[in-house]
């Protein structure tokens, strides 16, 4: 295996680990906030109240967490690509 291929493998594995370790907690918290928001909607429908369309702190947090999960997920995908290229270049 060439040095370039080995370097790509190592870099890819590092990117996968870092990407997953940063994306997973953000994605879990995003799913929790989404479930909580759905519960609030169901309660307000049951109660008969109308919910406003304005931005809330939770909706801003969900946007931030979704972006963070996407970004680090793409880093992990880039790591998978580097691992694949490292195997091809051996």
Protein backbone atom coordinates (compact mmCIF):
# COMPACT_ATOMS: atom_id res chain seq x y z
CA UNK A 1 0.00 0.00 0.00
CA UNK A 2 1.39 3.39 -0.94
CA UNK A 3 1.99 6.16 1.55
CA UNK A 4 -0.66 8.32 -0.13
CA UNK A 5 -3.24 5.55 0.12
CA UNK A 6 -2.39 4.92 3.75
CA UNK A 7 -2.56 8.64 4.55
CA UNK A 8 -5.98 8.88 2.89
CA UNK A 9 -7.20 5.89 4.88
CA UNK A 10 -6.04 7.37 8.17
CA UNK A 11 -7.44 10.82 7.35
CA UNK A 12 -10.73 9.28 6.26
CA UNK A 13 -11.05 7.27 9.47
CA UNK A 14 -10.33 10.39 11.53
CA UNK A 15 -12.95 12.39 9.59
CA UNK A 16 -15.53 9.65 10.06
CA UNK A 17 -14.90 9.53 13.80
CA UNK A 18 -14.95 13.30 14.26
CA UNK A 19 -17.97 13.79 12.00
CA UNK A 20 -19.99 11.13 13.77
CA UNK A 21 -19.02 12.30 17.24
CA UNK A 22 -20.16 15.84 16.42
CA UNK A 23 -23.25 15.02 14.31
CA UNK A 24 -24.83 12.36 16.52
CA UNK A 25 -25.49 14.50 19.63
CA UNK A 26 -26.84 17.37 17.52
CA UNK A 27 -29.15 14.99 15.65
CA UNK A 28 -30.41 13.39 18.89
CA UNK A 29 -31.21 16.79 20.42
CA UNK A 30 -32.89 17.90 17.20
CA UNK A 31 -35.12 14.79 17.28
CA UNK A 32 -36.00 15.50 20.93
CA UNK A 33 -36.99 19.09 20.14
CA UNK A 34 -39.01 17.94 17.12
CA UNK A 35 -40.92 15.44 19.26
CA UNK A 36 -41.53 18.07 21.92
CA UNK A 37 -42.79 20.53 19.29
CA UNK A 38 -45.16 17.88 17.91
CA UNK A 39 -46.52 17.27 21.42
CA UNK A 40 -47.17 20.99 21.88
CA UNK A 41 -49.00 21.11 18.52
CA UNK A 42 -51.18 18.14 19.44
CA UNK A 43 -52.02 19.69 22.81
CA UNK A 44 -52.95 23.01 21.24
CA UNK A 45 -55.14 21.29 18.66
CA UNK A 46 -56.86 19.33 21.41
CA UNK A 47 -57.32 22.48 23.46
CA UNK A 48 -58.64 24.35 20.44
CA UNK A 49 -56.09 27.13 20.56
CA UNK A 50 -54.37 28.60 17.56
CA UNK A 51 -50.61 28.55 17.51
CA UNK A 52 -48.80 31.50 16.01
CA UNK A 53 -46.31 31.14 13.17
CA UNK A 54 -43.67 33.34 14.76
CA UNK A 55 -40.17 32.05 15.47
CA UNK A 56 -39.60 30.63 18.91
CA UNK A 57 -36.40 29.80 20.74
CA UNK A 58 -37.01 26.11 20.12
CA UNK A 59 -37.48 26.59 16.38
CA UNK A 60 -34.22 28.57 16.17
CA UNK A 61 -32.44 25.85 18.17
CA UNK A 62 -33.85 23.19 15.83
CA UNK A 63 -32.51 25.09 12.81
CA UNK A 64 -29.06 25.41 14.38
CA UNK A 65 -28.97 21.73 15.38
CA UNK A 66 -30.14 20.59 11.94
CA UNK A 67 -27.42 22.64 10.24
CA UNK A 68 -24.78 21.33 12.64
CA UNK A 69 -25.85 17.72 12.09
CA UNK A 70 -25.78 18.19 8.30
CA UNK A 71 -22.35 19.82 8.35
CA UNK A 72 -20.71 17.13 10.47
CA UNK A 73 -22.59 14.42 8.59
CA UNK A 74 -21.01 15.72 5.40
CA UNK A 75 -17.61 15.61 7.09
CA UNK A 76 -18.22 11.93 7.91
CA UNK A 77 -19.32 11.25 4.32
CA UNK A 78 -16.15 12.94 3.11
CA UNK A 79 -14.24 10.56 5.37
CA UNK A 80 -15.95 7.58 3.75
CA UNK A 81 -14.97 8.94 0.33
CA UNK A 82 -11.34 9.32 1.42
CA UNK A 83 -11.29 5.76 2.75
CA UNK A 84 -12.66 4.52 -0.57
CA UNK A 85 -10.12 6.54 -2.56
CA UNK A 86 -7.37 5.27 -0.25
CA UNK A 87 -8.32 1.68 -1.06
CA UNK A 88 -8.45 2.44 -4.78
CA UNK A 89 -4.99 4.06 -4.76
CA UNK A 90 -3.20 1.17 -3.12
